[in-house]
PDB file of N, CA and C in Angstrom:
ATOM      1  N   UNK A   1       0.814  -1.110   0.028  1.00  0.00           N
ATOM      2  CA  UNK A   1      -0.020   0.009  -0.041  1.00  0.00           C
ATOM      3  C   UNK A   1       0.797   1.337  -0.014  1.00  0.00           C
ATOM      4  N   UNK A   2       1.918   1.184   0.842  1.00  0.00           N
ATOM      5  CA  UNK A   2       2.814   2.400   0.976  1.00  0.00           C
ATOM      6  C   UNK A   2       3.627   2.519  -0.255  1.00  0.00           C
ATOM      7  N   UNK A   3       4.030   1.458  -0.893  1.00  0.00           N
ATOM      8  CA  UNK A   3       4.714   1.513  -2.171  1.00  0.00           C
ATOM      9  C   UNK A   3       3.929   2.059  -3.277  1.00  0.00           C
ATOM     10  N   UNK A   4       2.658   1.660  -3.310  1.00  0.00           N
ATOM     11  CA  UNK A   4       1.598   2.287  -4.317  1.00  0.00           C
ATOM     12  C   UNK A   4       1.632   3.753  -4.193  1.00  0.00           C
ATOM     13  N   UNK A   5       1.526   4.176  -2.987  1.00  0.00           N
ATOM     14  CA  UNK A   5       1.381   5.649  -2.660  1.00  0.00           C
ATOM     15  C   UNK A   5       2.535   6.476  -3.137  1.00  0.00           C
ATOM     16  N   UNK A   6       3.763   5.766  -2.814  1.00  0.00           N
ATOM     17  CA  UNK A   6       5.130   6.421  -3.297  1.00  0.00           C
ATOM     18  C   UNK A   6       5.146   6.444  -4.741  1.00  0.00           C
ATOM     19  N   UNK A   7       4.732   5.391  -5.485  1.00  0.00           N
ATOM     20  CA  UNK A   7       4.845   5.385  -6.879  1.00  0.00           C
ATOM     21  C   UNK A   7       3.942   6.436  -7.429  1.00  0.00           C
ATOM     22  N   UNK A   8       2.697   6.607  -6.812  1.00  0.00           N
ATOM     23  CA  UNK A   8       1.806   7.640  -7.357  1.00  0.00           C
ATOM     24  C   UNK A   8       2.387   8.997  -7.153  1.00  0.00           C
ATOM     25  N   UNK A   9       3.035   9.274  -5.937  1.00  0.00           N
ATOM     26  CA  UNK A   9       3.633  10.570  -5.828  1.00  0.00           C
ATOM     27  C   UNK A   9       4.780  10.795  -6.761  1.00  0.00           C
ATOM     28  N   UNK A  10       5.550   9.803  -6.997  1.00  0.00           N
ATOM     29  CA  UNK A  10       6.627   9.856  -7.952  1.00  0.00           C
ATOM     30  C   UNK A  10       6.192  10.184  -9.443  1.00  0.00           C
ATOM     31  N   UNK A  11       5.016   9.440  -9.777  1.00  0.00           N
ATOM     32  CA  UNK A  11       4.462   9.602 -11.076  1.00  0.00           C
ATOM     33  C   UNK A  11       3.900  11.137 -11.114  1.00  0.00           C
ATOM     34  N   UNK A  12       3.221  11.601 -10.159  1.00  0.00           N
ATOM     35  CA  UNK A  12       2.902  12.961 -10.136  1.00  0.00           C
ATOM     36  C   UNK A  12       4.012  13.981 -10.261  1.00  0.00           C
ATOM     37  N   UNK A  13       5.081  13.771  -9.548  1.00  0.00           N
ATOM     38  CA  UNK A  13       6.334  14.589  -9.644  1.00  0.00           C
ATOM     39  C   UNK A  13       6.874  14.495 -11.111  1.00  0.00           C
ATOM     40  N   UNK A  14       6.924  13.385 -11.722  1.00  0.00           N
ATOM     41  CA  UNK A  14       7.485  13.251 -13.032  1.00  0.00           C
ATOM     42  C   UNK A  14       6.582  13.907 -14.077  1.00  0.00           C
ATOM     43  N   UNK A  15       5.323  13.912 -13.896  1.00  0.00           N
ATOM     44  CA  UNK A  15       4.507  14.652 -14.805  1.00  0.00           C
ATOM     45  C   UNK A  15       4.577  16.116 -14.606  1.00  0.00           C
ATOM     46  N   UNK A  16       4.765  16.565 -13.473  1.00  0.00           N
ATOM     47  CA  UNK A  16       4.925  17.998 -13.033  1.00  0.00           C
ATOM     48  C   UNK A  16       6.177  18.451 -13.635  1.00  0.00           C
ATOM     49  N   UNK A  17       7.338  17.747 -13.485  1.00  0.00           N
ATOM     50  CA  UNK A  17       8.652  18.149 -14.079  1.00  0.00           C
ATOM     51  C   UNK A  17       8.635  18.191 -15.632  1.00  0.00           C
ATOM     52  N   UNK A  18       7.892  17.114 -16.249  1.00  0.00           N
ATOM     53  CA  UNK A  18       7.760  17.073 -17.683  1.00  0.00           C
ATOM     54  C   UNK A  18       7.033  18.270 -18.153  1.00  0.00           C
ATOM     55  N   UNK A  19       6.069  18.785 -17.337  1.00  0.00           N
ATOM     56  CA  UNK A  19       5.192  19.880 -17.790  1.00  0.00           C
ATOM     57  C   UNK A  19       5.983  21.202 -17.650  1.00  0.00           C
ATOM     58  N   UNK A  20       7.057  21.231 -16.863  1.00  0.00           N
ATOM     59  CA  UNK A  20       7.856  22.455 -16.685  1.00  0.00           C
ATOM     60  C   UNK A  20       8.928  22.422 -17.801  1.00  0.00           C
ATOM     61  N   UNK A  21       9.089  21.239 -18.592  1.00  0.00           N
ATOM     62  CA  UNK A  21      10.081  21.210 -19.707  1.00  0.00           C
ATOM     63  C   UNK A  21      11.491  21.381 -19.328  1.00  0.00           C
ATOM     64  N   UNK A  22      11.834  20.792 -18.202  1.00  0.00           N
ATOM     65  CA  UNK A  22      13.158  20.904 -17.425  1.00  0.00           C
ATOM     66  C   UNK A  22      14.240  20.266 -18.454  1.00  0.00           C
ATOM     67  N   UNK A  23      13.881  19.147 -19.096  1.00  0.00           N
ATOM     68  CA  UNK A  23      14.807  18.501 -19.947  1.00  0.00           C
ATOM     69  C   UNK A  23      15.235  19.414 -21.151  1.00  0.00           C
ATOM     70  N   UNK A  24      14.228  20.031 -21.731  1.00  0.00           N
ATOM     71  CA  UNK A  24      14.537  20.997 -22.838  1.00  0.00           C
ATOM     72  C   UNK A  24      15.318  22.081 -22.332  1.00  0.00           C
ATOM     73  N   UNK A  25      15.076  22.604 -21.228  1.00  0.00           N
ATOM     74  CA  UNK A  25      15.880  23.671 -20.627  1.00  0.00           C
ATOM     75  C   UNK A  25      17.368  23.342 -20.502  1.00  0.00           C
ATOM     76  N   UNK A  26      17.505  22.211 -19.880  1.00  0.00           N
ATOM     77  CA  UNK A  26      18.869  21.647 -19.615  1.00  0.00           C
ATOM     78  C   UNK A  26      19.595  21.441 -20.961  1.00  0.00           C
ATOM     79  N   UNK A  27      18.875  20.921 -21.976  1.00  0.00           N
ATOM     80  CA  UNK A  27      19.537  20.688 -23.237  1.00  0.00           C
ATOM     81  C   UNK A  27      19.965  22.068 -23.852  1.00  0.00           C
ATOM     82  N   UNK A  28      19.080  23.159 -23.673  1.00  0.00           N
ATOM     83  CA  UNK A  28      19.451  24.481 -24.169  1.00  0.00           C
ATOM     84  C   UNK A  28      20.724  24.938 -23.443  1.00  0.00           C
ATOM     85  N   UNK A  29      20.857  24.746 -22.149  1.00  0.00           N
ATOM     86  CA  UNK A  29      21.945  25.271 -21.325  1.00  0.00           C
ATOM     87  C   UNK A  29      23.176  24.549 -21.747  1.00  0.00           C
ATOM     88  N   UNK A  30      23.206  23.294 -22.305  1.00  0.00           N
ATOM     89  CA  UNK A  30      24.338  22.705 -22.732  1.00  0.00           C
ATOM     90  C   UNK A  30      24.785  23.030 -24.160  1.00  0.00           C
ATOM     91  N   UNK A  31      24.160  23.953 -24.778  1.00  0.00           N
ATOM     92  CA  UNK A  31      24.453  24.461 -26.195  1.00  0.00           C
ATOM     93  C   UNK A  31      24.390  25.917 -25.980  1.00  0.00           C
ATOM     94  N   UNK A  32      25.460  26.649 -25.512  1.00  0.00           N
ATOM     95  CA  UNK A  32      25.490  28.027 -25.320  1.00  0.00           C
ATOM     96  C   UNK A  32      25.318  28.861 -26.613  1.00  0.00           C
ATOM     97  N   UNK A  33      25.818  28.284 -27.716  1.00  0.00           N
ATOM     98  CA  UNK A  33      25.578  29.015 -29.073  1.00  0.00           C
ATOM     99  C   UNK A  33      24.176  29.103 -29.353  1.00  0.00           C
ATOM    100  N   UNK A  34      23.498  28.108 -29.201  1.00  0.00           N
ATOM    101  CA  UNK A  34      21.934  28.165 -29.461  1.00  0.00           C
ATOM    102  C   UNK A  34      21.273  28.957 -28.509  1.00  0.00           C
ATOM    103  N   UNK A  35      21.684  29.012 -27.235  1.00  0.00           N
ATOM    104  CA  UNK A  35      20.985  29.919 -26.276  1.00  0.00           C
ATOM    105  C   UNK A  35      21.338  31.443 -26.622  1.00  0.00           C
ATOM    106  N   UNK A  36      22.538  31.734 -26.928  1.00  0.00           N
ATOM    107  CA  UNK A  36      22.821  32.998 -27.406  1.00  0.00           C
ATOM    108  C   UNK A  36      22.072  33.504 -28.533  1.00  0.00           C
ATOM    109  N   UNK A  37      21.959  32.588 -29.452  1.00  0.00           N
ATOM    110  CA  UNK A  37      21.285  32.992 -30.787  1.00  0.00           C
ATOM    111  C   UNK A  37      19.728  33.132 -30.566  1.00  0.00           C
ATOM    112  N   UNK A  38      19.114  32.257 -29.551  1.00  0.00           N
ATOM    113  CA  UNK A  38      17.781  32.438 -29.288  1.00  0.00           C
ATOM    114  C   UNK A  38      17.554  33.800 -28.585  1.00  0.00           C
ATOM    115  N   UNK A  39      18.297  34.091 -27.592  1.00  0.00           N
ATOM    116  CA  UNK A  39      18.173  35.419 -26.859  1.00  0.00           C
ATOM    117  C   UNK A  39      18.446  36.600 -27.836  1.00  0.00           C
ATOM    118  N   UNK A  40      19.357  36.448 -28.814  1.00  0.00           N
ATOM    119  CA  UNK A  40      19.674  37.573 -29.619  1.00  0.00           C
ATOM    120  C   UNK A  40      18.424  37.815 -30.549  1.00  0.00           C
ATOM    121  N   UNK A  41      17.935  36.774 -31.123  1.00  0.00           N
ATOM    122  CA  UNK A  41      16.811  36.921 -32.029  1.00  0.00           C
ATOM    123  C   UNK A  41      15.623  37.463 -31.230  1.00  0.00           C
ATOM    124  N   UNK A  42      15.289  37.000 -29.954  1.00  0.00           N
ATOM    125  CA  UNK A  42      14.179  37.434 -29.117  1.00  0.00           C
ATOM    126  C   UNK A  42      14.350  38.879 -28.762  1.00  0.00           C
ATOM    127  N   UNK A  43      15.581  39.274 -28.499  1.00  0.00           N
ATOM    128  CA  UNK A  43      15.825  40.690 -28.149  1.00  0.00           C
ATOM    129  C   UNK A  43      15.651  41.599 -29.320  1.00  0.00           C
ATOM    130  N   UNK A  44      16.103  41.128 -30.562  1.00  0.00           N
ATOM    131  CA  UNK A  44      15.780  41.972 -31.813  1.00  0.00           C
ATOM    132  C   UNK A  44      14.379  42.039 -32.030  1.00  0.00           C
ATOM    133  N   UNK A  45      13.607  41.049 -31.912  1.00  0.00           N
ATOM    134  CA  UNK A  45      12.161  41.022 -32.126  1.00  0.00           C
ATOM    135  C   UNK A  45      11.458  42.076 -31.169  1.00  0.00           C
ATOM    136  N   UNK A  46      11.917  41.978 -29.849  1.00  0.00           N
ATOM    137  CA  UNK A  46      11.272  42.882 -28.946  1.00  0.00           C
ATOM    138  C   UNK A  46      11.544  44.373 -29.258  1.00  0.00           C
ATOM    139  N   UNK A  47      12.900  44.614 -29.656  1.00  0.00           N
ATOM    140  CA  UNK A  47      13.319  45.990 -30.080  1.00  0.00           C
ATOM    141  C   UNK A  47      12.613  46.457 -31.246  1.00  0.00           C
ATOM    142  N   UNK A  48      12.391  45.597 -32.158  1.00  0.00           N
ATOM    143  CA  UNK A  48      11.592  46.050 -33.466  1.00  0.00           C
ATOM    144  C   UNK A  48      10.166  46.247 -33.123  1.00  0.00           C
ATOM    145  N   UNK A  49       9.632  45.404 -32.153  1.00  0.00           N
ATOM    146  CA  UNK A  49       8.183  45.702 -31.775  1.00  0.00           C
ATOM    147  C   UNK A  49       8.064  46.883 -30.964  1.00  0.00           C
ATOM    148  N   UNK A  50       8.944  47.244 -30.048  1.00  0.00           N
ATOM    149  CA  UNK A  50       8.973  48.594 -29.406  1.00  0.00           C
ATOM    150  C   UNK A  50       9.054  49.721 -30.322  1.00  0.00           C
ATOM    151  N   UNK A  51       9.915  49.689 -31.342  1.00  0.00           N
ATOM    152  CA  UNK A  51      10.080  50.661 -32.258  1.00  0.00           C
ATOM    153  C   UNK A  51       8.847  50.930 -33.147  1.00  0.00           C
ATOM    154  N   UNK A  52       8.188  49.895 -33.654  1.00  0.00           N
ATOM    155  CA  UNK A  52       7.084  49.983 -34.419  1.00  0.00           C
ATOM    156  C   UNK A  52       5.939  50.453 -33.499  1.00  0.00           C
ATOM    157  N   UNK A  53       5.774  50.015 -32.293  1.00  0.00           N
ATOM    158  CA  UNK A  53       4.705  50.423 -31.486  1.00  0.00           C
ATOM    159  C   UNK A  53       4.773  51.975 -31.148  1.00  0.00           C
ATOM    160  N   UNK A  54       6.019  52.375 -30.864  1.00  0.00           N
ATOM    161  CA  UNK A  54       6.304  53.803 -30.446  1.00  0.00           C
ATOM    162  C   UNK A  54       5.941  54.686 -31.739  1.00  0.00           C
ATOM    163  N   UNK A  55       6.314  54.153 -32.948  1.00  0.00           N
ATOM    164  CA  UNK A  55       6.072  54.966 -34.096  1.00  0.00           C
ATOM    165  C   UNK A  55       4.549  55.115 -34.283  1.00  0.00           C
ATOM    166  N   UNK A  56       3.789  54.012 -34.125  1.00  0.00           N
ATOM    167  CA  UNK A  56       2.329  54.051 -34.398  1.00  0.00           C
ATOM    168  C   UNK A  56       1.669  55.058 -33.315  1.00  0.00           C
ATOM    169  N   UNK A  57       2.082  54.883 -32.114  1.00  0.00           N
ATOM    170  CA  UNK A  57       1.507  55.771 -31.003  1.00  0.00           C
ATOM    171  C   UNK A  57       1.766  57.225 -31.258  1.00  0.00           C
ATOM    172  N   UNK A  58       3.103  57.490 -31.710  1.00  0.00           N
ATOM    173  CA  UNK A  58       3.527  58.929 -31.980  1.00  0.00           C
ATOM    174  C   UNK A  58       2.695  59.398 -33.172  1.00  0.00           C
ATOM    175  N   UNK A  59       2.559  58.590 -34.304  1.00  0.00           N
ATOM    176  CA  UNK A  59       1.675  59.001 -35.408  1.00  0.00           C
ATOM    177  C   UNK A  59       0.231  59.417 -34.947  1.00  0.00           C
ATOM    178  N   UNK A  60      -0.324  58.492 -34.244  1.00  0.00           N
ATOM    179  CA  UNK A  60      -1.690  58.800 -33.701  1.00  0.00           C
ATOM    180  C   UNK A  60      -1.825  60.042 -32.873  1.00  0.00           C
ATOM    181  N   UNK A  61      -0.837  60.257 -32.003  1.00  0.00           N
ATOM    182  CA  UNK A  61      -0.797  61.483 -31.120  1.00  0.00           C
ATOM    183  C   UNK A  61      -0.691  62.752 -32.159  1.00  0.00           C
ATOM    184  N   UNK A  62       0.227  62.729 -33.122  1.00  0.00           N
ATOM    185  CA  UNK A  62       0.449  63.849 -34.029  1.00  0.00           C
ATOM    186  C   UNK A  62      -0.772  64.044 -34.818  1.00  0.00           C
ATOM    187  N   UNK A  63      -1.477  63.025 -35.309  1.00  0.00           N
ATOM    188  CA  UNK A  63      -2.768  63.129 -35.962  1.00  0.00           C
ATOM    189  C   UNK A  63      -3.873  63.809 -35.180  1.00  0.00           C
ATOM    190  N   UNK A  64      -3.852  63.381 -33.855  1.00  0.00           N
ATOM    191  CA  UNK A  64      -4.835  64.007 -32.906  1.00  0.00           C
ATOM    192  C   UNK A  64      -4.555  65.445 -32.687  1.00  0.00           C
ATOM    193  N   UNK A  65      -3.205  65.815 -32.648  1.00  0.00           N
ATOM    194  CA  UNK A  65      -2.845  67.136 -32.371  1.00  0.00           C
ATOM    195  C   UNK A  65      -3.156  68.090 -33.598  1.00  0.00           C
ATOM    196  N   UNK A  66      -3.028  67.389 -34.824  1.00  0.00           N
ATOM    197  CA  UNK A  66      -3.334  68.182 -36.087  1.00  0.00           C
ATOM    198  C   UNK A  66      -4.776  68.343 -36.071  1.00  0.00           C
ATOM    199  N   UNK A  67      -5.620  67.409 -35.693  1.00  0.00           N
ATOM    200  CA  UNK A  67      -7.044  67.702 -35.757  1.00  0.00           C
ATOM    201  C   UNK A  67      -7.528  68.743 -34.799  1.00  0.00           C
ATOM    202  N   UNK A  68      -6.806  68.869 -33.645  1.00  0.00           N
ATOM    203  CA  UNK A  68      -6.900  69.898 -32.555  1.00  0.00           C
ATOM    204  C   UNK A  68      -6.648  71.317 -33.336  1.00  0.00           C
ATOM    205  N   UNK A  69      -5.673  71.328 -34.033  1.00  0.00           N
ATOM    206  CA  UNK A  69      -5.202  72.572 -34.725  1.00  0.00           C
ATOM    207  C   UNK A  69      -6.359  73.054 -35.782  1.00  0.00           C
ATOM    208  N   UNK A  70      -6.961  72.012 -36.474  1.00  0.00           N
ATOM    209  CA  UNK A  70      -7.845  72.313 -37.482  1.00  0.00           C
ATOM    210  C   UNK A  70      -9.133  72.782 -36.804  1.00  0.00           C
ATOM    211  N   UNK A  71      -9.438  72.395 -35.511  1.00  0.00           N
ATOM    212  CA  UNK A  71     -10.616  72.977 -34.819  1.00  0.00           C
ATOM    213  C   UNK A  71     -10.376  74.415 -34.500  1.00  0.00           C
ATOM    214  N   UNK A  72      -9.111  74.881 -34.440  1.00  0.00           N
ATOM    215  CA  UNK A  72      -8.850  76.351 -34.136  1.00  0.00           C
ATOM    216  C   UNK A  72      -9.498  76.692 -32.913  1.00  0.00           C
ATOM    217  N   UNK A  73      -9.219  76.030 -31.825  1.00  0.00           N
ATOM    218  CA  UNK A  73      -9.699  76.375 -30.522  1.00  0.00           C
ATOM    219  C   UNK A  73      -8.642  77.482 -30.025  1.00  0.00           C
ATOM    220  N   UNK A  74      -9.194  78.508 -29.542  1.00  0.00           N
ATOM    221  CA  UNK A  74      -8.367  79.610 -29.010  1.00  0.00           C
ATOM    222  C   UNK A  74      -7.505  79.112 -27.915  1.00  0.00           C
ATOM    223  N   UNK A  75      -6.165  79.554 -28.040  1.00  0.00           N
ATOM    224  CA  UNK A  75      -5.259  79.142 -26.903  1.00  0.00           C
ATOM    225  C   UNK A  75      -4.644  77.880 -27.089  1.00  0.00           C
ATOM    226  N   UNK A  76      -5.359  76.807 -27.334  1.00  0.00           N
ATOM    227  CA  UNK A  76      -4.844  75.474 -27.541  1.00  0.00           C
ATOM    228  C   UNK A  76      -4.336  75.261 -28.944  1.00  0.00           C
ATOM    229  N   UNK A  77      -4.956  75.949 -29.969  1.00  0.00           N
ATOM    230  CA  UNK A  77      -4.459  75.620 -31.442  1.00  0.00           C
ATOM    231  C   UNK A  77      -3.122  76.333 -31.490  1.00  0.00           C
ATOM    232  N   UNK A  78      -2.891  77.501 -31.202  1.00  0.00           N
ATOM    233  CA  UNK A  78      -1.562  78.153 -31.245  1.00  0.00           C
ATOM    234  C   UNK A  78      -0.515  77.355 -30.529  1.00  0.00           C
ATOM    235  N   UNK A  79      -0.834  76.914 -29.270  1.00  0.00           N
ATOM    236  CA  UNK A  79       0.123  76.110 -28.492  1.00  0.00           C
ATOM    237  C   UNK A  79       0.616  74.875 -29.289  1.00  0.00           C
ATOM    238  N   UNK A  80      -0.389  74.094 -29.738  1.00  0.00           N
ATOM    239  CA  UNK A  80      -0.209  72.792 -30.398  1.00  0.00           C
ATOM    240  C   UNK A  80       0.596  73.147 -31.705  1.00  0.00           C
ATOM    241  N   UNK A  81       0.173  74.141 -32.592  1.00  0.00           N
ATOM    242  CA  UNK A  81       0.879  74.492 -33.672  1.00  0.00           C
ATOM    243  C   UNK A  81       2.375  74.810 -33.465  1.00  0.00           C
ATOM    244  N   UNK A  82       2.642  75.564 -32.329  1.00  0.00           N
ATOM    245  CA  UNK A  82       4.082  75.762 -31.925  1.00  0.00           C
ATOM    246  C   UNK A  82       4.759  74.366 -31.592  1.00  0.00           C
ATOM    247  N   UNK A  83       4.055  73.456 -30.937  1.00  0.00           N
ATOM    248  CA  UNK A  83       4.855  72.208 -30.692  1.00  0.00           C
ATOM    249  C   UNK A  83       5.116  71.398 -31.979  1.00  0.00           C
ATOM    250  N   UNK A  84       4.097  71.434 -32.792  1.00  0.00           N
ATOM    251  CA  UNK A  84       4.208  70.728 -34.151  1.00  0.00           C
ATOM    252  C   UNK A  84       5.317  71.408 -34.937  1.00  0.00           C
ATOM    253  N   UNK A  85       5.429  72.664 -34.925  1.00  0.00           N
ATOM    254  CA  UNK A  85       6.502  73.369 -35.561  1.00  0.00           C
ATOM    255  C   UNK A  85       7.811  73.009 -35.045  1.00  0.00           C
ATOM    256  N   UNK A  86       8.005  72.883 -33.775  1.00  0.00           N
ATOM    257  CA  UNK A  86       9.349  72.457 -33.233  1.00  0.00           C
ATOM    258  C   UNK A  86       9.583  70.949 -33.677  1.00  0.00           C
ATOM    259  N   UNK A  87       8.616  70.075 -33.583  1.00  0.00           N
ATOM    260  CA  UNK A  87       8.847  68.677 -34.039  1.00  0.00           C
ATOM    261  C   UNK A  87       9.292  68.553 -35.396  1.00  0.00           C
ATOM    262  N   UNK A  88       8.649  69.506 -36.286  1.00  0.00           N
ATOM    263  CA  UNK A  88       8.973  69.466 -37.689  1.00  0.00           C
ATOM    264  C   UNK A  88      10.477  69.934 -37.968  1.00  0.00           C
ATOM    265  N   UNK A  89      10.884  70.942 -37.149  1.00  0.00           N
ATOM    266  CA  UNK A  89      12.233  71.456 -37.207  1.00  0.00           C
ATOM    267  C   UNK A  89      13.248  70.358 -36.801  1.00  0.00           C
ATOM    268  N   UNK A  90      12.870  69.695 -35.703  1.00  0.00           N
ATOM    269  CA  UNK A  90      13.802  68.636 -35.186  1.00  0.00           C
ATOM    270  C   UNK A  90      13.904  67.474 -36.288  1.00  0.00           C
ATOM    271  N   UNK A  91      12.857  67.187 -36.982  1.00  0.00           N
ATOM    272  CA  UNK A  91      12.839  65.990 -37.897  1.00  0.00           C
ATOM    273  C   UNK A  91      13.378  66.566 -39.291  1.00  0.00           C
ATOM    274  N   UNK A  92      13.650  67.856 -39.419  1.00  0.00           N
ATOM    275  CA  UNK A  92      14.189  68.364 -40.708  1.00  0.00           C
ATOM    276  C   UNK A  92      13.248  68.441 -41.826  1.00  0.00           C
ATOM    277  N   UNK A  93      11.982  68.571 -41.488  1.00  0.00           N
ATOM    278  CA  UNK A  93      11.038  68.738 -42.480  1.00  0.00           C
ATOM    279  C   UNK A  93      10.794  70.065 -42.905  1.00  0.00           C
ATOM    280  N   UNK A  94      11.273  71.017 -42.034  1.00  0.00           N
ATOM    281  CA  UNK A  94      10.904  72.405 -42.378  1.00  0.00           C
ATOM    282  C   UNK A  94      12.187  73.231 -42.752  1.00  0.00           C
TER     283      UNK A  94
END
């Protein structure tokens, strides 16, 4: 009875360790070139995603600011126009 209980616990532990994919992780650690390449590609993908996301957010904000200028709200329109002028000067468009 006690042996069956121990076998059940060991089986449960084995299933849990297999679900954590420890063997694949250990294999990856034994191949440092593959580990470095995997991390390099992952880092480049994250960097590219951040750059694209920031560009999209910045474009949406500029579009929103442009729409505010077109509304010609007193006080706000001139301030936003000045900000957009500074941004265009920095980007070399003007």
